[in-house]
Amino acid sequence: MGIVVKLDEDLSPLVGEPLCEAGHDVRSVAGQGWSGAKDDELWTRVLHEGALFITADKGLADVRIFPRGTHPGILLLRPDRGSLVEFRDLVAGVASQPGLKSLEGAVAVATPSGLRVRRAGVREQSANS
């Protein structure tokens, strides 16, 4: 069974296609008419939905502002270049790994070299894609 995933407005809805194909409920900030919302207002809405939040905005993955274990999860995408293809490839790599739900409450960073996951009370873990 899939989870609810929210794509930030800085990402094309096409980035979420690999997640849809994996059976997840993918929603986008733009698709819900939330574009332009301030980060705190947007974050309140995301929390209300219980969605794993996927973004390329480093500020939204700051564990000092969004402490691990206090939210449904944040996945920060950090491609080498900011192309649609690279963002989509990073998402596809995460979607193909078992346990996307295991990112609940964590702050994870997906790069071309792998996935780093920071959970509350646990040292940082790496999983190569």
Protein backbone atom coordinates (compact mmCIF):
# COMPACT_ATOMS: atom_id res chain seq x y z
CA MET A 1 0.00 0.00 0.00
CA GLY A 2 1.29 3.44 -0.93
CA ILE A 3 1.71 6.56 1.14
CA VAL A 4 0.67 10.17 0.59
CA VAL A 5 3.47 12.20 -0.97
CA LYS A 6 3.48 15.98 -1.51
CA LEU A 7 5.72 17.55 -4.18
CA ASP A 8 6.87 21.07 -3.42
CA GLU A 9 6.12 23.80 -5.94
CA ASP A 10 9.78 23.86 -7.04
CA LEU A 11 9.32 20.40 -8.61
CA SER A 12 7.43 19.49 -11.76
CA PRO A 13 4.55 17.02 -11.30
CA LEU A 14 6.49 14.81 -13.75
CA VAL A 15 9.04 14.23 -10.97
CA GLY A 16 6.38 12.29 -9.05
CA GLU A 17 5.55 9.83 -11.84
CA PRO A 18 7.85 7.06 -10.52
CA LEU A 19 6.05 7.30 -7.18
CA CYS A 20 2.63 7.08 -8.84
CA GLU A 21 3.83 4.00 -10.71
CA ALA A 22 4.90 2.50 -7.37
CA GLY A 23 1.37 2.97 -6.01
CA HIS A 24 1.79 6.12 -3.93
CA ASP A 25 -0.75 8.96 -3.72
CA VAL A 26 1.24 11.86 -5.19
CA ARG A 27 -0.07 15.39 -4.80
CA SER A 28 1.61 18.65 -5.70
CA VAL A 29 1.59 22.04 -4.05
CA ALA A 30 0.80 23.64 -7.42
CA GLY A 31 -1.90 21.10 -8.24
CA GLN A 32 -3.71 21.90 -5.01
CA GLY A 33 -3.54 25.64 -5.60
CA TRP A 34 -1.05 26.24 -2.79
CA SER A 35 1.66 27.91 -4.90
CA GLY A 36 3.05 31.02 -3.29
CA ALA A 37 2.08 30.01 0.24
CA LYS A 38 4.63 30.96 2.88
CA ASP A 39 6.70 28.04 4.17
CA ASP A 40 5.02 27.97 7.60
CA GLU A 41 1.51 27.97 6.10
CA LEU A 42 2.49 25.33 3.55
CA TRP A 43 4.09 23.20 6.26
CA THR A 44 0.90 23.33 8.38
CA ARG A 45 -1.09 22.06 5.39
CA VAL A 46 1.42 19.29 4.68
CA LEU A 47 1.32 18.18 8.32
CA HIS A 48 -2.48 18.12 8.24
CA GLU A 49 -2.37 15.78 5.22
CA GLY A 50 0.26 13.55 6.83
CA ALA A 51 2.26 13.62 3.62
CA LEU A 52 5.92 12.80 3.01
CA PHE A 53 7.20 16.13 1.66
CA ILE A 54 9.56 16.10 -1.33
CA THR A 55 11.46 19.28 -2.15
CA ALA A 56 14.64 20.72 -3.62
CA ASP A 57 14.56 23.61 -1.13
CA LYS A 58 17.37 23.08 1.39
CA GLY A 59 15.64 25.37 3.89
CA LEU A 60 12.72 22.97 4.17
CA ALA A 61 15.05 20.14 5.19
CA ASP A 62 16.71 22.03 8.05
CA VAL A 63 16.49 19.71 11.06
CA ARG A 64 16.78 22.68 13.41
CA ILE A 65 13.50 24.09 12.04
CA PHE A 66 11.82 20.76 11.23
CA PRO A 67 13.09 18.36 13.93
CA ARG A 68 13.19 14.69 13.03
CA GLY A 69 10.33 12.68 14.45
CA THR A 70 7.92 15.64 14.54
CA HIS A 71 6.55 15.35 11.00
CA PRO A 72 5.55 12.80 8.33
CA GLY A 73 8.98 13.01 6.68
CA ILE A 74 10.99 15.22 4.34
CA LEU A 75 12.91 14.08 1.27
CA LEU A 76 15.37 16.64 -0.10
CA LEU A 77 16.46 16.07 -3.70
CA ARG A 78 20.04 17.15 -4.47
CA PRO A 79 20.92 16.28 -8.08
CA ASP A 80 24.25 17.24 -9.64
CA ARG A 81 22.34 19.55 -11.98
CA GLY A 82 18.80 20.79 -11.58
CA SER A 83 17.31 19.13 -14.64
CA LEU A 84 13.89 17.51 -14.69
CA VAL A 85 15.48 14.22 -15.72
CA GLU A 86 17.87 14.23 -12.76
CA PHE A 87 15.13 15.09 -10.25
CA ARG A 88 12.97 12.31 -11.68
CA ASP A 89 15.89 9.84 -11.57
CA LEU A 90 16.47 10.62 -7.88
CA VAL A 91 12.80 10.04 -7.10
CA ALA A 92 12.81 6.81 -9.14
CA GLY A 93 15.79 5.59 -7.13
CA VAL A 94 14.00 6.21 -3.85
CA ALA A 95 10.72 4.74 -5.16
CA SER A 96 12.51 1.53 -6.14
CA GLN A 97 13.95 1.03 -2.66
CA PRO A 98 11.89 -0.96 -0.21
CA GLY A 99 10.27 0.95 2.57
CA LEU A 100 9.52 4.46 1.36
CA LYS A 101 7.20 4.50 4.38
CA SER A 102 10.31 4.05 6.53
CA LEU A 103 11.13 7.71 5.84
CA GLU A 104 8.24 8.69 8.14
CA GLY A 105 9.50 11.24 10.63
CA ALA A 106 12.93 11.34 9.01
CA VAL A 107 14.81 13.92 7.01
CA ALA A 108 16.34 12.18 4.00
CA VAL A 109 18.62 13.52 1.28
CA ALA A 110 18.71 11.83 -2.12
CA THR A 111 21.82 12.45 -4.22
CA PRO A 112 23.18 10.63 -7.28
CA SER A 113 25.49 8.71 -4.94
CA GLY A 114 22.75 7.47 -2.60
CA LEU A 115 20.22 8.22 0.10
CA ARG A 116 21.13 9.63 3.52
CA VAL A 117 18.47 9.25 6.19
CA ARG A 118 18.44 11.13 9.50
CA ARG A 119 15.95 9.81 12.05
CA ALA A 120 15.14 11.01 15.54
CA GLY A 121 17.46 9.41 18.07
CA VAL A 122 19.43 7.48 15.43
CA ARG A 123 22.75 8.27 13.81
CA GLU A 124 22.70 9.16 10.13
CA GLN A 125 22.30 6.16 7.84
CA SER A 126 23.31 5.84 4.20
CA ALA A 127 21.79 3.56 1.59
CA ASN A 128 23.34 3.55 -1.85
CA SER A 129 20.87 3.58 -4.69
